[in-house]
Amino acid sequence: MSTDPLVYIVDDDAAVLKSLHWLIESAGLTAKALPSAAAFLDAYDPQRPACLVLDVRMPVMTGLQLQCQLHEQGIGLPVIIMTGHSDVPSCTESFRNGAFDFIE
């Protein structure tokens, strides 16, 4: 098991995943790109230091739903919300659930 910090990237857009993965790793960090909230839940290792870059709009489980679930379970993973489609209610909800930042 690695103890190096990991940046989880969750987005249903393959091009965004690829770009963010490259960008984060080019900064010397380890990244794991995942196409859905379910894939993140399967891959998440609570024993490894990490943060989460999370898209808002995804099918089945949205980023805000995933963030809410993590918050309700007491998982204090730092979350950065990223979206091309934001509004005040979604931004407010993300911060109420402990988002570190909200990037439009």
Protein backbone atom coordinates (compact mmCIF):
# COMPACT_ATOMS: atom_id res chain seq x y z
CA MET A 1 0.00 0.00 0.00
CA SER A 2 1.31 3.42 -0.96
CA THR A 3 1.23 6.28 1.51
CA ASP A 4 1.92 8.93 -1.14
CA PRO A 5 -0.93 11.44 -1.37
CA LEU A 6 -3.39 10.77 -4.19
CA VAL A 7 -5.61 13.13 -6.15
CA TYR A 8 -8.82 11.40 -7.20
CA ILE A 9 -10.39 12.98 -10.29
CA VAL A 10 -14.03 12.06 -10.92
CA ASP A 11 -15.67 13.22 -14.14
CA ASP A 12 -17.79 11.48 -16.78
CA ASP A 13 -16.06 13.40 -19.61
CA ALA A 14 -13.09 11.32 -20.82
CA ALA A 15 -11.28 14.33 -22.32
CA VAL A 16 -11.53 16.26 -19.05
CA LEU A 17 -10.29 13.24 -17.10
CA LYS A 18 -7.31 12.81 -19.40
CA SER A 19 -6.41 16.51 -19.30
CA LEU A 20 -6.70 16.85 -15.53
CA HIS A 21 -4.80 13.61 -14.96
CA TRP A 22 -1.95 14.88 -17.12
CA LEU A 23 -1.96 18.32 -15.49
CA ILE A 24 -1.91 16.97 -11.93
CA GLU A 25 0.78 14.40 -12.63
CA SER A 26 2.89 17.03 -14.45
CA ALA A 27 2.92 18.91 -11.13
CA GLY A 28 4.54 15.88 -9.50
CA LEU A 29 1.41 14.51 -7.80
CA THR A 30 -0.13 11.07 -8.17
CA ALA A 31 -3.59 11.09 -9.72
CA LYS A 32 -6.29 8.51 -10.33
CA ALA A 33 -8.91 9.30 -12.97
CA LEU A 34 -12.36 7.77 -12.49
CA PRO A 35 -15.42 8.10 -14.77
CA SER A 36 -18.17 7.97 -12.15
CA ALA A 37 -19.09 8.32 -8.50
CA ALA A 38 -19.55 4.54 -8.29
CA ALA A 39 -16.04 3.98 -9.66
CA PHE A 40 -14.68 6.37 -7.04
CA LEU A 41 -16.51 4.57 -4.22
CA ASP A 42 -15.02 1.27 -5.42
CA ALA A 43 -11.49 2.71 -5.65
CA TYR A 44 -11.42 4.93 -2.55
CA ASP A 45 -8.84 3.90 0.05
CA PRO A 46 -9.55 5.64 3.38
CA GLN A 47 -6.07 4.69 4.63
CA ARG A 48 -4.31 6.77 1.96
CA PRO A 49 -4.00 10.55 2.19
CA ALA A 50 -5.97 12.05 -0.68
CA CYS A 51 -8.17 14.77 -2.05
CA LEU A 52 -10.99 14.70 -4.58
CA VAL A 53 -11.55 16.84 -7.67
CA LEU A 54 -15.20 16.29 -8.49
CA ASP A 55 -17.47 17.22 -11.38
CA VAL A 56 -21.00 18.32 -10.52
CA ARG A 57 -23.00 16.95 -13.43
CA MET A 58 -22.66 13.19 -13.88
CA PRO A 59 -25.25 10.51 -14.62
CA VAL A 60 -26.61 8.14 -11.95
CA MET A 61 -24.94 9.89 -8.97
CA THR A 62 -24.01 13.56 -9.32
CA GLY A 63 -20.90 15.02 -7.79
CA LEU A 64 -22.98 16.86 -5.21
CA GLN A 65 -24.74 13.62 -4.24
CA LEU A 66 -21.38 11.89 -3.83
CA GLN A 67 -20.03 14.78 -1.78
CA CYS A 68 -23.14 14.71 0.43
CA GLN A 69 -22.77 10.95 0.96
CA LEU A 70 -19.11 11.37 1.97
CA HIS A 71 -20.05 14.21 4.33
CA GLU A 72 -22.86 12.17 5.93
CA GLN A 73 -20.47 9.25 6.45
CA GLY A 74 -17.97 11.53 8.18
CA ILE A 75 -15.35 11.12 5.47
CA GLY A 76 -13.30 14.29 5.71
CA LEU A 77 -11.68 14.03 2.31
CA PRO A 78 -10.87 17.52 0.94
CA VAL A 79 -13.13 18.11 -2.08
CA ILE A 80 -12.70 20.58 -4.91
CA ILE A 81 -15.86 20.91 -6.97
CA MET A 82 -15.38 21.68 -10.64
CA THR A 83 -18.11 22.40 -13.15
CA GLY A 84 -18.91 24.10 -16.40
CA HIS A 85 -22.54 24.46 -15.32
CA SER A 86 -22.91 26.09 -11.95
CA ASP A 87 -25.57 27.97 -10.10
CA VAL A 88 -25.79 29.54 -6.67
CA PRO A 89 -27.72 26.63 -5.06
CA SER A 90 -25.19 24.01 -6.16
CA CYS A 91 -22.28 26.17 -5.02
CA THR A 92 -23.98 26.77 -1.67
CA GLU A 93 -24.72 23.06 -1.22
CA SER A 94 -21.13 22.09 -1.97
CA PHE A 95 -19.78 24.48 0.68
CA ARG A 96 -22.38 23.32 3.22
CA ASN A 97 -21.06 19.81 2.68
CA GLY A 98 -17.48 20.94 3.31
CA ALA A 99 -16.07 21.72 -0.14
CA PHE A 100 -12.60 23.20 -0.06
CA ASP A 101 -13.24 25.13 -3.28
CA PHE A 102 -15.76 25.48 -6.10
CA ILE A 103 -14.31 26.12 -9.56
CA GLU A 104 -16.57 27.16 -12.41
